[in-house]
């Protein structure tokens, strides 16, 4: 159930500029989980990290571009 929610959340983020901006401002996966929950999605930080790890760097950059330098990476707390 939750993994589907993570997938749906990330797909929505690819299409929604405002959601992408919120995710770019998040400092860690827990912040992203809160944004997801506020947007109606239910998943854990670990589930989010698992999904992000299964994606290519380019796919992740489309959603949460960590910037040029220094790069910030989303890691579970």
N, C-alpha and C. Protein backbone atom coordinates (compact mmCIF):
# COMPACT_ATOMS: atom_id res chain seq x y z
N UNK A 1 0.83 -1.19 0.00
CA UNK A 1 0.00 0.00 0.00
C UNK A 1 0.87 1.25 0.00
N UNK A 2 1.81 1.33 0.93
CA UNK A 2 2.61 2.54 1.05
C UNK A 2 3.53 2.74 -0.15
N UNK A 3 4.10 1.64 -0.68
CA UNK A 3 5.00 1.79 -1.81
C UNK A 3 4.27 2.38 -3.01
N UNK A 4 3.02 1.98 -3.21
CA UNK A 4 2.22 2.59 -4.26
C UNK A 4 2.03 4.06 -4.00
N UNK A 5 1.79 4.41 -2.74
CA UNK A 5 1.61 5.80 -2.38
C UNK A 5 2.87 6.61 -2.66
N UNK A 6 4.04 6.05 -2.38
CA UNK A 6 5.30 6.72 -2.68
C UNK A 6 5.41 6.95 -4.18
N UNK A 7 5.12 5.93 -4.95
CA UNK A 7 5.20 6.03 -6.41
C UNK A 7 4.23 7.09 -6.93
N UNK A 8 3.02 7.09 -6.42
CA UNK A 8 2.03 8.09 -6.83
C UNK A 8 2.47 9.49 -6.43
N UNK A 9 3.03 9.62 -5.24
CA UNK A 9 3.50 10.92 -4.76
C UNK A 9 4.61 11.46 -5.66
N UNK A 10 5.58 10.63 -5.98
CA UNK A 10 6.68 11.08 -6.83
C UNK A 10 6.21 11.39 -8.24
N UNK A 11 5.24 10.63 -8.75
CA UNK A 11 4.67 10.93 -10.07
C UNK A 11 3.95 12.28 -10.04
N UNK A 12 3.23 12.53 -8.96
CA UNK A 12 2.54 13.82 -8.81
C UNK A 12 3.55 14.96 -8.73
N UNK A 13 4.65 14.72 -8.04
CA UNK A 13 5.68 15.76 -7.90
C UNK A 13 6.31 16.11 -9.24
N UNK A 14 6.44 15.13 -10.13
CA UNK A 14 6.99 15.40 -11.46
C UNK A 14 6.10 16.36 -12.24
N UNK A 15 4.80 16.32 -11.98
CA UNK A 15 3.84 17.12 -12.73
C UNK A 15 3.49 18.45 -12.06
N UNK A 16 3.76 18.56 -10.75
CA UNK A 16 3.31 19.71 -9.97
C UNK A 16 4.50 20.56 -9.53
N UNK A 17 4.64 21.74 -10.14
CA UNK A 17 5.76 22.63 -9.86
C UNK A 17 5.79 23.05 -8.39
N UNK A 18 4.65 23.37 -7.80
CA UNK A 18 4.59 23.80 -6.40
C UNK A 18 5.06 22.68 -5.47
N UNK A 19 4.65 21.47 -5.76
CA UNK A 19 5.06 20.32 -4.95
C UNK A 19 6.57 20.09 -5.08
N UNK A 20 7.09 20.22 -6.28
CA UNK A 20 8.54 20.08 -6.49
C UNK A 20 9.31 21.13 -5.69
N UNK A 21 8.80 22.35 -5.66
CA UNK A 21 9.47 23.42 -4.91
C UNK A 21 9.51 23.09 -3.42
N UNK A 22 8.41 22.55 -2.89
CA UNK A 22 8.38 22.16 -1.48
C UNK A 22 9.40 21.06 -1.21
N UNK A 23 9.47 20.09 -2.12
CA UNK A 23 10.42 18.99 -1.94
C UNK A 23 11.86 19.47 -2.02
N UNK A 24 12.13 20.42 -2.89
CA UNK A 24 13.48 20.96 -3.01
C UNK A 24 13.90 21.65 -1.72
N UNK A 25 12.93 22.22 -1.00
CA UNK A 25 13.23 22.92 0.26
C UNK A 25 13.37 21.96 1.43
N UNK A 26 12.88 20.75 1.29
CA UNK A 26 12.96 19.77 2.38
C UNK A 26 14.42 19.38 2.60
N UNK A 27 14.80 19.23 3.86
CA UNK A 27 16.19 18.93 4.18
C UNK A 27 16.48 17.43 4.28
N UNK A 28 15.45 16.60 4.44
CA UNK A 28 15.67 15.17 4.59
C UNK A 28 14.40 14.42 4.21
N UNK A 29 14.48 13.09 4.28
CA UNK A 29 13.31 12.29 3.88
C UNK A 29 12.14 12.52 4.81
N UNK A 30 12.40 12.80 6.09
CA UNK A 30 11.29 13.04 7.01
C UNK A 30 10.50 14.29 6.62
N UNK A 31 11.21 15.31 6.14
CA UNK A 31 10.55 16.51 5.63
C UNK A 31 9.71 16.19 4.39
N UNK A 32 10.24 15.33 3.54
CA UNK A 32 9.49 14.92 2.34
C UNK A 32 8.26 14.10 2.71
N UNK A 33 8.38 13.26 3.74
CA UNK A 33 7.24 12.46 4.21
C UNK A 33 6.14 13.39 4.71
N UNK A 34 6.53 14.44 5.44
CA UNK A 34 5.55 15.40 5.94
C UNK A 34 4.84 16.11 4.79
N UNK A 35 5.60 16.50 3.79
CA UNK A 35 5.01 17.14 2.62
C UNK A 35 4.04 16.18 1.94
N UNK A 36 4.44 14.91 1.82
CA UNK A 36 3.56 13.90 1.24
C UNK A 36 2.29 13.74 2.04
N UNK A 37 2.42 13.67 3.34
CA UNK A 37 1.25 13.51 4.21
C UNK A 37 0.32 14.72 4.08
N UNK A 38 0.90 15.91 4.06
CA UNK A 38 0.10 17.13 3.89
C UNK A 38 -0.60 17.15 2.53
N UNK A 39 -0.07 16.42 1.57
CA UNK A 39 -0.65 16.35 0.22
C UNK A 39 -1.58 15.15 0.04
N UNK A 40 -1.76 14.36 1.12
CA UNK A 40 -2.70 13.24 1.06
C UNK A 40 -2.09 11.88 0.78
N UNK A 41 -0.77 11.77 0.88
CA UNK A 41 -0.08 10.51 0.64
C UNK A 41 0.45 9.97 1.96
N UNK A 42 0.49 8.66 2.09
CA UNK A 42 0.93 8.04 3.34
C UNK A 42 2.05 7.05 3.04
N UNK A 43 3.26 7.34 3.55
CA UNK A 43 4.41 6.46 3.39
C UNK A 43 5.45 6.85 4.43
N UNK A 44 6.43 5.98 4.62
CA UNK A 44 7.49 6.24 5.60
C UNK A 44 8.73 6.79 4.90
N UNK A 45 9.64 7.31 5.71
CA UNK A 45 10.91 7.81 5.17
C UNK A 45 11.71 6.68 4.53
N UNK A 46 11.64 5.50 5.14
CA UNK A 46 12.38 4.35 4.60
C UNK A 46 11.80 3.93 3.25
N UNK A 47 10.47 3.95 3.12
CA UNK A 47 9.84 3.60 1.85
C UNK A 47 10.20 4.62 0.77
N UNK A 48 10.25 5.88 1.15
CA UNK A 48 10.64 6.93 0.20
C UNK A 48 12.08 6.71 -0.24
N UNK A 49 12.97 6.46 0.71
CA UNK A 49 14.37 6.25 0.37
C UNK A 49 14.55 5.04 -0.53
N UNK A 50 13.82 3.97 -0.25
CA UNK A 50 13.89 2.77 -1.09
C UNK A 50 13.47 3.10 -2.52
N UNK A 51 12.40 3.85 -2.67
CA UNK A 51 11.92 4.23 -4.00
C UNK A 51 12.94 5.13 -4.70
N UNK A 52 13.50 6.10 -3.98
CA UNK A 52 14.50 6.99 -4.58
C UNK A 52 15.74 6.21 -5.01
N UNK A 53 16.14 5.22 -4.20
CA UNK A 53 17.31 4.41 -4.54
C UNK A 53 17.09 3.57 -5.79
N UNK A 54 15.84 3.24 -6.09
CA UNK A 54 15.55 2.43 -7.27
C UNK A 54 15.45 3.27 -8.54
N UNK A 55 15.48 4.58 -8.38
CA UNK A 55 15.37 5.48 -9.53
C UNK A 55 16.76 5.91 -10.00
N UNK A 56 16.85 6.31 -11.26
CA UNK A 56 18.13 6.83 -11.76
C UNK A 56 18.37 8.22 -11.18
N UNK A 57 19.61 8.66 -11.21
CA UNK A 57 19.94 10.01 -10.71
C UNK A 57 19.18 11.07 -11.48
N UNK A 58 18.98 10.85 -12.77
CA UNK A 58 18.27 11.82 -13.59
C UNK A 58 16.80 11.92 -13.17
N UNK A 59 16.17 10.76 -12.88
CA UNK A 59 14.78 10.76 -12.44
C UNK A 59 14.62 11.50 -11.12
N UNK A 60 15.55 11.25 -10.20
CA UNK A 60 15.49 11.93 -8.91
C UNK A 60 15.71 13.43 -9.09
N UNK A 61 16.64 13.80 -9.96
CA UNK A 61 16.92 15.21 -10.19
C UNK A 61 15.72 15.95 -10.77
N UNK A 62 14.89 15.26 -11.55
CA UNK A 62 13.67 15.87 -12.08
C UNK A 62 12.74 16.32 -10.95
N UNK A 63 12.76 15.57 -9.86
CA UNK A 63 11.84 15.83 -8.75
C UNK A 63 12.50 16.71 -7.70
N UNK A 64 13.66 16.30 -7.24
CA UNK A 64 14.33 16.99 -6.14
C UNK A 64 15.75 17.28 -6.56
N UNK A 65 15.93 18.28 -7.39
CA UNK A 65 17.27 18.63 -7.83
C UNK A 65 18.03 19.23 -6.66
N UNK A 66 19.06 18.54 -6.20
CA UNK A 66 19.76 19.02 -5.01
C UNK A 66 20.70 20.19 -5.26
N UNK A 67 20.75 20.71 -6.45
CA UNK A 67 21.61 21.85 -6.74
C UNK A 67 22.92 21.41 -7.36
N UNK A 68 23.76 22.38 -7.64
CA UNK A 68 25.01 22.10 -8.30
C UNK A 68 26.09 21.74 -7.28
N UNK A 69 26.38 22.63 -6.37
CA UNK A 69 27.40 22.34 -5.36
C UNK A 69 27.17 23.23 -4.15
N UNK A 70 27.33 22.79 -2.97
CA UNK A 70 27.50 21.38 -2.66
C UNK A 70 26.17 20.65 -2.80
N UNK A 71 26.23 19.43 -3.25
CA UNK A 71 25.00 18.65 -3.41
C UNK A 71 24.53 18.15 -2.06
N UNK A 72 23.23 18.28 -1.84
CA UNK A 72 22.61 17.73 -0.64
C UNK A 72 21.85 16.49 -1.07
N UNK A 73 22.04 15.42 -0.36
CA UNK A 73 21.36 14.19 -0.68
C UNK A 73 20.35 13.88 0.40
N UNK A 74 19.23 13.31 0.02
CA UNK A 74 18.21 12.93 0.98
C UNK A 74 18.57 11.57 1.55
N UNK A 75 18.81 11.54 2.83
CA UNK A 75 19.15 10.30 3.52
C UNK A 75 18.20 10.11 4.69
N UNK A 76 17.85 8.86 4.99
CA UNK A 76 16.98 8.63 6.15
C UNK A 76 17.68 9.02 7.44
N UNK A 77 16.94 9.48 8.38
CA UNK A 77 17.50 9.90 9.67
C UNK A 77 17.57 8.75 10.62
